[in-house]
């Protein structure tokens, strides 16, 4: 259940580094940090829990070896998957989908699915509106100081996740084993987002795309696909300066650096995110961001999705996949003013000095 944001208290809270706060607060995690568990032959890093996000979401990094696969399962909450490296086969509704780095998937609550690693090392971000995976990892898995899966695990995840062990977590195991469908017809992710809340996969850089000066912003999943719970924004761009300092009263903004460097100001402190780093900015956090390296790649997760129109106000629709460098720099001031007038955006100062 979502709790109310106490944005005024959050605004007075200093940014916490490399720890989960245990309460609604802004925090930043270096790549690999969080609560780490071996879940059979999988490695699960919990990067955010409900207690850290006001009940909005949980976030994980999962690493799994080649050949390891989950049983077919369904769980509570809506899930979003982003592949970091390797090759992962995601199966749902009788079809196998081969996902590689940058590909993503949206899985509504109750949809039966399985995941299987195809490369030597495979990793992904797993975002959920519920926290059943954190409960499973912390109570059924084994706490570890390691940042990668074990070379000689005692059990495979398919053996660990049996019906009698997951009972009480809201998870249902279907058929008791891995998908038997692998190897027949394997689909690659598509290019277009569906209209409703159905399971789908999306190829890297695809989805609904918009561009502005030296930047392409793509929605890999939208509010219409998540029952109005959240949306994601995949941003690729050249170096860009800070935008004006601002905060939100109704929604959180979450930054995952996938490539290059992202500079952020959060409640008066500047941090630099490099690949794998994560920053949670709940409502109230006074913040700004900039792209601080060439070919920077960032994934934003915003919940609830009240801010989704912002990226259409600030960008133009495009069918292109890469941005163009060069030309005269410009800030879409008219779109920003429209966002201030209509959306959850409170500007408190000019862009921070770079």
Protein backbone atom coordinates (compact mmCIF):
# COMPACT_ATOMS: atom_id res chain seq x y z
CA UNK A 1 0.00 0.00 0.00
CA UNK A 2 1.38 3.39 -0.98
CA UNK A 3 1.98 5.81 1.89
CA UNK A 4 1.76 9.59 1.73
CA UNK A 5 4.95 11.45 0.91
CA UNK A 6 6.13 13.76 3.71
CA UNK A 7 7.99 15.87 1.20
CA UNK A 8 8.75 18.70 3.62
CA UNK A 9 10.62 16.35 5.99
CA UNK A 10 12.44 14.72 3.06
CA UNK A 11 13.57 18.16 1.90
CA UNK A 12 15.43 18.62 5.19
CA UNK A 13 17.09 15.18 5.07
CA UNK A 14 20.73 14.79 4.03
CA UNK A 15 21.56 12.33 1.26
CA UNK A 16 22.57 8.91 2.64
CA UNK A 17 25.46 7.06 0.96
CA UNK A 18 25.72 3.29 0.36
CA UNK A 19 23.11 2.35 2.94
CA UNK A 20 19.39 1.68 2.81
CA UNK A 21 17.77 4.24 5.10
CA UNK A 22 14.95 2.14 6.54
CA UNK A 23 12.60 5.09 6.11
CA UNK A 24 11.53 7.41 3.31
CA UNK A 25 14.69 9.39 2.54
CA UNK A 26 16.99 10.28 -0.36
CA UNK A 27 19.89 7.87 -0.76
CA UNK A 28 22.55 6.88 -3.28
CA UNK A 29 24.11 3.45 -3.81
CA UNK A 30 27.39 2.72 -5.56
CA UNK A 31 27.25 -0.16 -8.04
CA UNK A 32 26.81 -3.47 -6.19
CA UNK A 33 25.81 -1.95 -2.86
CA UNK A 34 22.64 -2.88 -1.01
CA UNK A 35 21.48 -6.00 0.84
CA UNK A 36 23.11 -9.00 -0.85
CA UNK A 37 21.87 -12.59 -0.81
CA UNK A 38 22.53 -15.86 -2.57
CA UNK A 39 19.18 -17.21 -3.72
CA UNK A 40 20.29 -20.65 -4.82
CA UNK A 41 22.69 -20.05 -7.72
CA UNK A 42 21.38 -16.51 -8.22
CA UNK A 43 22.81 -13.40 -6.56
CA UNK A 44 20.19 -10.86 -5.51
CA UNK A 45 21.10 -7.33 -4.37
CA UNK A 46 18.18 -5.47 -2.83
CA UNK A 47 18.65 -1.80 -3.75
CA UNK A 48 15.36 -0.43 -2.36
CA UNK A 49 12.55 -1.76 -0.16
CA UNK A 50 9.10 -0.46 0.64
CA UNK A 51 10.37 1.04 3.90
CA UNK A 52 12.93 3.04 1.89
CA UNK A 53 10.48 4.30 -0.74
CA UNK A 54 7.28 5.09 1.13
CA UNK A 55 5.71 1.83 -0.02
CA UNK A 56 6.04 2.70 -3.69
CA UNK A 57 8.45 0.09 -5.04
CA UNK A 58 11.37 -2.27 -4.51
CA UNK A 59 14.45 -2.57 -6.72
CA UNK A 60 17.01 -5.34 -7.23
CA UNK A 61 20.05 -6.30 -9.24
CA UNK A 62 20.03 -10.01 -10.11
CA UNK A 63 23.10 -11.87 -11.40
CA UNK A 64 22.75 -15.44 -12.65
CA UNK A 65 25.05 -17.94 -14.36
CA UNK A 66 24.46 -19.40 -17.80
CA UNK A 67 21.98 -22.26 -17.84
CA UNK A 68 20.35 -21.27 -14.56
CA UNK A 69 16.62 -20.75 -14.76
CA UNK A 70 13.76 -20.03 -12.42
CA UNK A 71 10.64 -22.14 -12.21
CA UNK A 72 7.56 -20.69 -13.89
CA UNK A 73 6.11 -18.39 -11.25
CA UNK A 74 3.71 -15.54 -10.76
CA UNK A 75 3.79 -12.94 -8.03
CA UNK A 76 2.01 -9.88 -6.70
CA UNK A 77 2.68 -6.42 -8.04
CA UNK A 78 3.74 -5.12 -11.43
CA UNK A 79 7.36 -5.82 -12.43
CA UNK A 80 9.73 -4.17 -14.89
CA UNK A 81 12.94 -5.87 -16.06
CA UNK A 82 15.97 -4.19 -17.67
CA UNK A 83 18.80 -6.39 -18.92
CA UNK A 84 22.29 -5.16 -17.99
CA UNK A 85 24.50 -7.81 -19.60
CA UNK A 86 24.43 -11.28 -21.10
CA UNK A 87 21.40 -12.97 -22.61
CA UNK A 88 18.24 -13.77 -20.71
CA UNK A 89 15.30 -15.82 -21.96
CA UNK A 90 12.03 -14.54 -20.54
CA UNK A 91 9.06 -16.85 -21.03
CA UNK A 92 5.42 -15.89 -20.61
CA UNK A 93 2.15 -16.89 -22.27
CA UNK A 94 3.82 -19.86 -23.98
CA UNK A 95 6.45 -17.80 -25.80
CA UNK A 96 10.19 -17.43 -25.25
CA UNK A 97 11.72 -13.97 -25.65
CA UNK A 98 15.49 -13.56 -25.99
CA UNK A 99 16.62 -10.39 -24.20
CA UNK A 100 20.10 -8.87 -24.41
CA UNK A 101 21.69 -5.77 -22.86
CA UNK A 102 19.35 -2.77 -22.92
CA UNK A 103 16.20 -4.80 -23.62
CA UNK A 104 13.35 -4.61 -21.15
CA UNK A 105 10.08 -6.28 -20.20
CA UNK A 106 6.88 -5.36 -18.39
CA UNK A 107 5.16 -8.10 -16.35
CA UNK A 108 1.77 -7.34 -14.74
CA UNK A 109 0.75 -8.90 -11.43
CA UNK A 110 -0.31 -12.53 -11.66
CA UNK A 111 1.32 -13.21 -15.07
CA UNK A 112 3.26 -16.49 -15.00
CA UNK A 113 6.85 -16.12 -16.23
CA UNK A 114 10.33 -17.61 -15.98
CA UNK A 115 13.87 -16.28 -16.45
CA UNK A 116 16.88 -18.24 -17.72
CA UNK A 117 20.48 -17.11 -18.22
CA UNK A 118 22.03 -17.79 -21.63
CA UNK A 119 25.50 -16.22 -21.41
CA UNK A 120 28.33 -17.02 -19.02
CA UNK A 121 27.32 -14.11 -16.75
CA UNK A 122 23.92 -12.47 -16.93
CA UNK A 123 22.55 -9.57 -14.92
CA UNK A 124 19.42 -7.45 -14.82
CA UNK A 125 17.59 -4.81 -12.83
CA UNK A 126 14.25 -5.99 -11.44
CA UNK A 127 11.78 -3.29 -10.33
CA UNK A 128 8.51 -4.23 -8.60
CA UNK A 129 5.61 -2.40 -7.02
CA UNK A 130 5.68 -5.11 -4.32
CA UNK A 131 8.60 -6.56 -2.33
CA UNK A 132 8.05 -10.32 -2.44
CA UNK A 133 11.54 -10.82 -3.88
CA UNK A 134 13.17 -9.00 -0.96
CA UNK A 135 11.25 -11.17 1.50
CA UNK A 136 12.21 -14.33 -0.36
CA UNK A 137 15.87 -13.40 -0.66
CA UNK A 138 16.23 -12.34 2.98
CA UNK A 139 14.26 -15.23 4.50
CA UNK A 140 14.88 -18.14 2.11
CA UNK A 141 18.26 -17.04 0.70
CA UNK A 142 21.66 -16.70 2.37
CA UNK A 143 23.16 -13.33 3.31
CA UNK A 144 26.53 -12.75 1.63
CA UNK A 145 29.29 -10.19 1.39
CA UNK A 146 29.90 -11.23 -2.21
CA UNK A 147 28.80 -9.14 -5.18
CA UNK A 148 28.46 -12.12 -7.59
CA UNK A 149 26.88 -15.56 -7.52
CA UNK A 150 28.73 -18.51 -6.01
CA UNK A 151 30.91 -20.78 -8.14
CA UNK A 152 29.66 -23.81 -6.21
CA UNK A 153 26.14 -23.12 -4.92
CA UNK A 154 24.49 -25.65 -2.65
CA UNK A 155 21.24 -25.47 -4.63
CA UNK A 156 19.96 -24.15 -7.96
CA UNK A 157 17.30 -21.46 -7.79
CA UNK A 158 14.86 -23.88 -9.45
CA UNK A 159 15.35 -26.28 -6.50
CA UNK A 160 15.12 -23.55 -3.89
CA UNK A 161 11.95 -21.97 -5.22
CA UNK A 162 9.58 -24.84 -4.55
CA UNK A 163 5.94 -24.39 -3.64
CA UNK A 164 6.42 -25.37 0.00
CA UNK A 165 9.19 -22.76 0.42
CA UNK A 166 7.49 -19.82 -1.26
CA UNK A 167 4.12 -20.37 0.40
CA UNK A 168 3.17 -17.18 2.21
CA UNK A 169 5.09 -14.80 -0.04
CA UNK A 170 2.29 -14.28 -2.53
CA UNK A 171 4.22 -16.30 -5.13
CA UNK A 172 2.71 -19.20 -7.08
CA UNK A 173 4.90 -21.86 -8.71
CA UNK A 174 3.35 -23.22 -11.90
CA UNK A 175 4.18 -26.78 -12.87
CA UNK A 176 7.03 -27.09 -10.38
CA UNK A 177 9.91 -26.65 -12.85
CA UNK A 178 11.51 -24.50 -15.52
CA UNK A 179 9.73 -23.68 -18.75
CA UNK A 180 9.71 -26.61 -21.14
CA UNK A 181 9.24 -24.33 -24.12
CA UNK A 182 12.86 -23.20 -24.58
CA UNK A 183 14.38 -23.76 -27.99
CA UNK A 184 11.33 -23.79 -30.26
CA UNK A 185 10.20 -20.32 -31.32
CA UNK A 186 12.25 -17.57 -29.70
CA UNK A 187 11.04 -14.02 -30.23
CA UNK A 188 13.11 -10.85 -30.19
CA UNK A 189 11.66 -7.79 -28.47
CA UNK A 190 9.43 -5.50 -30.49
CA UNK A 191 9.40 -1.81 -31.28
CA UNK A 192 6.00 -0.58 -30.11
CA UNK A 193 4.36 -0.34 -26.71
CA UNK A 194 0.90 -1.89 -26.29
CA UNK A 195 -2.09 0.17 -25.25
CA UNK A 196 -2.92 -1.60 -21.98
CA UNK A 197 -1.56 -3.49 -19.00
CA UNK A 198 -0.38 -6.66 -20.71
CA UNK A 199 3.00 -8.45 -20.60
CA UNK A 200 5.42 -7.37 -23.33
CA UNK A 201 9.10 -7.04 -24.19
CA UNK A 202 10.78 -3.99 -25.66
CA UNK A 203 14.04 -3.79 -27.62
CA UNK A 204 16.84 -1.52 -26.42
CA UNK A 205 16.22 2.07 -27.48
CA UNK A 206 12.74 1.36 -28.80
CA UNK A 207 9.35 2.26 -27.35
CA UNK A 208 7.80 5.72 -27.65
CA UNK A 209 10.68 8.03 -28.58
CA UNK A 210 11.18 11.78 -28.30
CA UNK A 211 14.22 13.97 -28.92
CA UNK A 212 15.59 17.35 -27.95
CA UNK A 213 18.99 18.96 -28.43
CA UNK A 214 21.64 16.18 -28.48
CA UNK A 215 19.38 13.77 -26.59
CA UNK A 216 16.88 10.96 -27.25
CA UNK A 217 14.36 9.97 -24.59
CA UNK A 218 12.44 6.71 -24.99
CA UNK A 219 9.63 5.30 -22.86
CA UNK A 220 10.27 1.52 -22.47
CA UNK A 221 7.09 1.32 -20.37
CA UNK A 222 4.37 3.90 -19.75
CA UNK A 223 1.64 4.53 -17.20
CA UNK A 224 -0.91 2.95 -19.53
CA UNK A 225 1.10 -0.29 -19.34
CA UNK A 226 1.41 -0.36 -15.53
CA UNK A 227 -2.13 0.41 -14.40
CA UNK A 228 -1.07 3.97 -13.57
CA UNK A 229 1.61 2.86 -11.08
CA UNK A 230 4.87 4.07 -12.69
CA UNK A 231 6.69 4.72 -15.95
CA UNK A 232 10.30 4.48 -17.09
CA UNK A 233 12.42 6.81 -19.21
CA UNK A 234 15.50 5.63 -21.12
CA UNK A 235 17.75 8.62 -21.87
CA UNK A 236 20.80 8.72 -24.14
CA UNK A 237 22.64 11.93 -24.79
CA UNK A 238 25.77 14.01 -25.17
CA UNK A 239 27.17 16.16 -22.39
CA UNK A 240 24.48 18.50 -21.10
CA UNK A 241 24.37 21.12 -18.32
CA UNK A 242 22.22 21.01 -15.19
CA UNK A 243 18.55 21.89 -15.42
CA UNK A 244 17.02 24.30 -12.85
CA UNK A 245 16.91 23.14 -9.23
CA UNK A 246 13.45 21.83 -8.40
CA UNK A 247 11.45 19.35 -6.35
CA UNK A 248 8.25 17.36 -6.61
CA UNK A 249 5.44 17.14 -4.07
CA UNK A 250 3.70 14.02 -5.34
CA UNK A 251 6.18 11.62 -6.93
CA UNK A 252 9.64 10.12 -6.57
CA UNK A 253 12.33 10.23 -9.24
CA UNK A 254 14.89 7.44 -9.43
CA UNK A 255 18.11 7.51 -11.44
CA UNK A 256 20.07 4.46 -12.66
CA UNK A 257 23.29 5.20 -14.55
CA UNK A 258 23.76 2.67 -17.35
CA UNK A 259 26.68 4.31 -19.17
CA UNK A 260 28.84 7.42 -19.00
CA UNK A 261 28.36 9.72 -16.00
CA UNK A 262 25.35 11.45 -14.49
CA UNK A 263 25.86 14.44 -12.18
CA UNK A 264 23.17 15.05 -9.59
CA UNK A 265 22.50 17.69 -6.98
CA UNK A 266 20.34 16.26 -4.19
CA UNK A 267 19.44 18.32 -1.11
CA UNK A 268 22.54 20.48 -1.48
CA UNK A 269 25.07 17.74 -2.26
CA UNK A 270 26.59 16.93 -5.64
CA UNK A 271 27.20 13.28 -6.54
CA UNK A 272 28.43 11.60 -9.71
CA UNK A 273 26.79 8.37 -10.84
CA UNK A 274 28.79 5.91 -12.94
CA UNK A 275 27.42 2.68 -14.47
CA UNK A 276 25.47 0.64 -11.95
CA UNK A 277 25.02 3.50 -9.45
CA UNK A 278 21.52 4.40 -8.23
CA UNK A 279 19.95 7.46 -6.60
CA UNK A 280 16.49 7.59 -5.04
CA UNK A 281 14.98 11.09 -4.85
CA UNK A 282 11.63 10.89 -3.06
CA UNK A 283 9.12 13.72 -3.23
CA UNK A 284 10.58 16.80 -1.60
CA UNK A 285 14.20 16.19 -2.63
CA UNK A 286 15.61 19.40 -4.11
CA UNK A 287 17.53 18.14 -7.10
CA UNK A 288 18.89 18.66 -10.58
CA UNK A 289 20.80 16.43 -12.98
CA UNK A 290 23.16 16.75 -15.90
CA UNK A 291 24.79 14.38 -18.37
CA UNK A 292 28.49 14.65 -17.54
CA UNK A 293 30.13 12.42 -20.17
CA UNK A 294 29.88 11.67 -23.85
CA UNK A 295 27.33 8.98 -24.75
CA UNK A 296 25.71 8.95 -21.33
CA UNK A 297 22.90 6.45 -20.80
CA UNK A 298 20.44 6.74 -17.92
CA UNK A 299 17.26 4.93 -16.86
CA UNK A 300 14.69 6.91 -14.89
CA UNK A 301 11.88 5.29 -12.90
CA UNK A 302 9.13 7.66 -11.74
CA UNK A 303 6.28 6.74 -9.42
CA UNK A 304 3.43 7.54 -9.38
CA UNK A 305 3.49 8.57 -13.07
CA UNK A 306 2.04 12.07 -12.73
CA UNK A 307 5.14 13.53 -14.41
CA UNK A 308 4.94 11.48 -17.61
CA UNK A 309 3.83 14.38 -19.88
CA UNK A 310 6.99 16.34 -18.97
CA UNK A 311 9.08 14.50 -21.54
CA UNK A 312 6.59 15.25 -24.30
CA UNK A 313 6.51 18.94 -23.31
CA UNK A 314 10.33 19.09 -23.46
CA UNK A 315 10.91 16.94 -26.57
CA UNK A 316 9.63 16.34 -30.10
CA UNK A 317 8.39 12.94 -31.34
CA UNK A 318 10.93 11.00 -33.39
CA UNK A 319 11.38 7.68 -35.14
CA UNK A 320 15.16 7.95 -34.77
CA UNK A 321 17.24 5.94 -32.31
CA UNK A 322 20.34 8.12 -31.87
CA UNK A 323 20.77 11.79 -31.19
CA UNK A 324 22.68 14.21 -33.43
CA UNK A 325 25.53 16.23 -31.98
CA UNK A 326 26.26 19.79 -33.04
CA UNK A 327 24.18 22.85 -33.73
CA UNK A 328 23.12 25.64 -31.44
CA UNK A 329 22.39 24.61 -27.82
CA UNK A 330 18.92 25.46 -26.65
CA UNK A 331 16.79 24.79 -23.59
CA UNK A 332 13.10 24.11 -24.33
CA UNK A 333 11.95 26.96 -22.10
CA UNK A 334 8.34 26.93 -23.34
CA UNK A 335 7.95 23.26 -22.51
CA UNK A 336 9.50 23.79 -19.08
CA UNK A 337 7.10 26.65 -18.35
CA UNK A 338 4.17 24.47 -19.42
CA UNK A 339 5.38 21.72 -17.07
CA UNK A 340 5.65 24.22 -14.20
CA UNK A 341 2.08 25.35 -14.81
CA UNK A 342 0.50 21.92 -15.22
CA UNK A 343 2.64 19.25 -13.57
CA UNK A 344 4.21 18.36 -10.22
CA UNK A 345 7.22 20.66 -10.65
CA UNK A 346 8.32 23.34 -8.18
CA UNK A 347 11.40 25.32 -9.32
CA UNK A 348 13.49 26.72 -6.45
CA UNK A 349 16.57 28.07 -8.19
CA UNK A 350 18.72 28.29 -11.30
CA UNK A 351 20.80 25.35 -12.53
CA UNK A 352 23.69 24.55 -10.18
CA UNK A 353 27.12 25.62 -11.32
CA UNK A 354 28.83 22.80 -13.25
